[in-house]
Amino acid sequence: MDENEKPQLYDLVFPPGTPRSIIRDIINKYDDVELIDTPEKLTFANMDGDVRNLIAARGKKETMIEVEALFKAKIKEFIGE
């Protein structure tokens, strides 16, 4: 990899209403994942085309696959599935 090239990074956008404890657990577990906010267009109900800043985790692909699996498990645990 050239010194000017940066590794490809991937985002996992947390749905609005995600408990802060889940986000905090994920960010604390993975040192190479950063918390970002990302503008996203929302198109549902009365928010057709509204742009909102959503919270996301950003990291390398391999790590983000693990993050996604952990996120799904924690959400299922939270809602009692």
C-alpha atoms as a PDB file:
ATOM      1  CA  MET A   1       0.000   0.000   0.000  1.00  0.00           C
ATOM      2  CA  ASP A   2       1.327   3.422  -0.939  1.00  0.00           C
ATOM      3  CA  GLU A   3       1.971   5.738   2.014  1.00  0.00           C
ATOM      4  CA  ASN A   4      -0.606   8.188   0.602  1.00  0.00           C
ATOM      5  CA  GLU A   5      -3.303   5.501   0.364  1.00  0.00           C
ATOM      6  CA  LYS A   6      -5.656   5.081   3.283  1.00  0.00           C
ATOM      7  CA  PRO A   7      -7.371   1.773   4.037  1.00  0.00           C
ATOM      8  CA  GLN A   8     -11.014   1.474   2.971  1.00  0.00           C
ATOM      9  CA  LEU A   9     -13.273   2.185   5.952  1.00  0.00           C
ATOM     10  CA  TYR A  10     -16.859   1.052   6.437  1.00  0.00           C
ATOM     11  CA  ASP A  11     -19.712   2.548   8.456  1.00  0.00           C
ATOM     12  CA  LEU A  12     -22.414   0.895  10.522  1.00  0.00           C
ATOM     13  CA  VAL A  13     -25.197   3.447  11.044  1.00  0.00           C
ATOM     14  CA  PHE A  14     -27.026   3.003  14.332  1.00  0.00           C
ATOM     15  CA  PRO A  15     -30.800   3.324  13.981  1.00  0.00           C
ATOM     16  CA  PRO A  16     -32.350   6.269  15.843  1.00  0.00           C
ATOM     17  CA  GLY A  17     -33.294   5.126  19.328  1.00  0.00           C
ATOM     18  CA  THR A  18     -30.372   2.732  19.747  1.00  0.00           C
ATOM     19  CA  PRO A  19     -29.584   2.615  23.479  1.00  0.00           C
ATOM     20  CA  ARG A  20     -26.451   4.577  24.350  1.00  0.00           C
ATOM     21  CA  SER A  21     -25.225   1.664  26.452  1.00  0.00           C
ATOM     22  CA  ILE A  22     -25.019  -0.550  23.341  1.00  0.00           C
ATOM     23  CA  ILE A  23     -23.130   2.095  21.367  1.00  0.00           C
ATOM     24  CA  ARG A  24     -20.774   2.688  24.310  1.00  0.00           C
ATOM     25  CA  ASP A  25     -20.105  -1.062  24.730  1.00  0.00           C
ATOM     26  CA  ILE A  26     -19.209  -1.401  21.041  1.00  0.00           C
ATOM     27  CA  ILE A  27     -16.917   1.638  20.970  1.00  0.00           C
ATOM     28  CA  ASN A  28     -15.175   0.546  24.190  1.00  0.00           C
ATOM     29  CA  LYS A  29     -14.637  -3.022  22.939  1.00  0.00           C
ATOM     30  CA  TYR A  30     -12.988  -2.106  19.622  1.00  0.00           C
ATOM     31  CA  ASP A  31     -10.028   0.278  19.825  1.00  0.00           C
ATOM     32  CA  ASP A  32      -9.855   0.668  16.047  1.00  0.00           C
ATOM     33  CA  VAL A  33     -13.519   1.715  15.647  1.00  0.00           C
ATOM     34  CA  GLU A  34     -14.414   5.380  15.843  1.00  0.00           C
ATOM     35  CA  LEU A  35     -17.766   6.988  16.541  1.00  0.00           C
ATOM     36  CA  ILE A  36     -18.848   9.464  13.862  1.00  0.00           C
ATOM     37  CA  ASP A  37     -21.950  11.348  12.869  1.00  0.00           C
ATOM     38  CA  THR A  38     -23.043  11.117   9.283  1.00  0.00           C
ATOM     39  CA  PRO A  39     -25.723  13.091   7.428  1.00  0.00           C
ATOM     40  CA  GLU A  40     -28.381  10.769   5.972  1.00  0.00           C
ATOM     41  CA  LYS A  41     -31.538  11.534   4.018  1.00  0.00           C
ATOM     42  CA  LEU A  42     -34.577  10.035   5.680  1.00  0.00           C
ATOM     43  CA  THR A  43     -37.557   9.051   3.562  1.00  0.00           C
ATOM     44  CA  PHE A  44     -40.391   7.791   5.717  1.00  0.00           C
ATOM     45  CA  ALA A  45     -43.558   9.174   7.301  1.00  0.00           C
ATOM     46  CA  ASN A  46     -43.400  12.970   7.319  1.00  0.00           C
ATOM     47  CA  MET A  47     -39.593  13.111   6.963  1.00  0.00           C
ATOM     48  CA  ASP A  48     -39.416  12.674   3.193  1.00  0.00           C
ATOM     49  CA  GLY A  49     -35.998  13.988   2.209  1.00  0.00           C
ATOM     50  CA  ASP A  50     -35.093  15.452   5.600  1.00  0.00           C
ATOM     51  CA  VAL A  51     -31.367  15.222   6.308  1.00  0.00           C
ATOM     52  CA  ARG A  52     -30.445  14.121   9.836  1.00  0.00           C
ATOM     53  CA  ASN A  53     -27.085  13.470  11.423  1.00  0.00           C
ATOM     54  CA  LEU A  54     -27.073   9.835  12.487  1.00  0.00           C
ATOM     55  CA  ILE A  55     -24.484   8.182  14.712  1.00  0.00           C
ATOM     56  CA  ALA A  56     -22.304   5.523  13.105  1.00  0.00           C
ATOM     57  CA  ALA A  57     -19.309   3.353  13.898  1.00  0.00           C
ATOM     58  CA  ARG A  58     -16.448   3.445  11.376  1.00  0.00           C
ATOM     59  CA  GLY A  59     -13.663   0.915  10.911  1.00  0.00           C
ATOM     60  CA  LYS A  60     -12.011  -1.664   8.680  1.00  0.00           C
ATOM     61  CA  LYS A  61     -14.239  -4.217   6.955  1.00  0.00           C
ATOM     62  CA  GLU A  62     -13.204  -7.235   9.041  1.00  0.00           C
ATOM     63  CA  THR A  63     -13.772  -5.344  12.282  1.00  0.00           C
ATOM     64  CA  MET A  64     -17.081  -3.882  11.136  1.00  0.00           C
ATOM     65  CA  ILE A  65     -18.409  -7.359  10.330  1.00  0.00           C
ATOM     66  CA  GLU A  66     -17.710  -8.272  13.980  1.00  0.00           C
ATOM     67  CA  VAL A  67     -19.259  -4.992  15.153  1.00  0.00           C
ATOM     68  CA  GLU A  68     -22.417  -5.678  13.138  1.00  0.00           C
ATOM     69  CA  ALA A  69     -22.773  -9.161  14.644  1.00  0.00           C
ATOM     70  CA  LEU A  70     -22.262  -7.809  18.174  1.00  0.00           C
ATOM     71  CA  PHE A  71     -24.738  -4.988  17.529  1.00  0.00           C
ATOM     72  CA  LYS A  72     -27.415  -7.416  16.319  1.00  0.00           C
ATOM     73  CA  ALA A  73     -26.876  -9.678  19.344  1.00  0.00           C
ATOM     74  CA  LYS A  74     -27.084  -6.766  21.798  1.00  0.00           C
ATOM     75  CA  ILE A  75     -30.232  -5.357  20.169  1.00  0.00           C
ATOM     76  CA  LYS A  76     -31.915  -8.786  20.292  1.00  0.00           C
ATOM     77  CA  GLU A  77     -30.946  -9.096  23.952  1.00  0.00           C
ATOM     78  CA  PHE A  78     -32.269  -5.582  24.648  1.00  0.00           C
ATOM     79  CA  ILE A  79     -35.672  -6.229  23.063  1.00  0.00           C
ATOM     80  CA  GLY A  80     -35.910  -9.673  24.621  1.00  0.00           C
ATOM     81  CA  GLU A  81     -35.734 -11.982  21.609  1.00  0.00           C
END
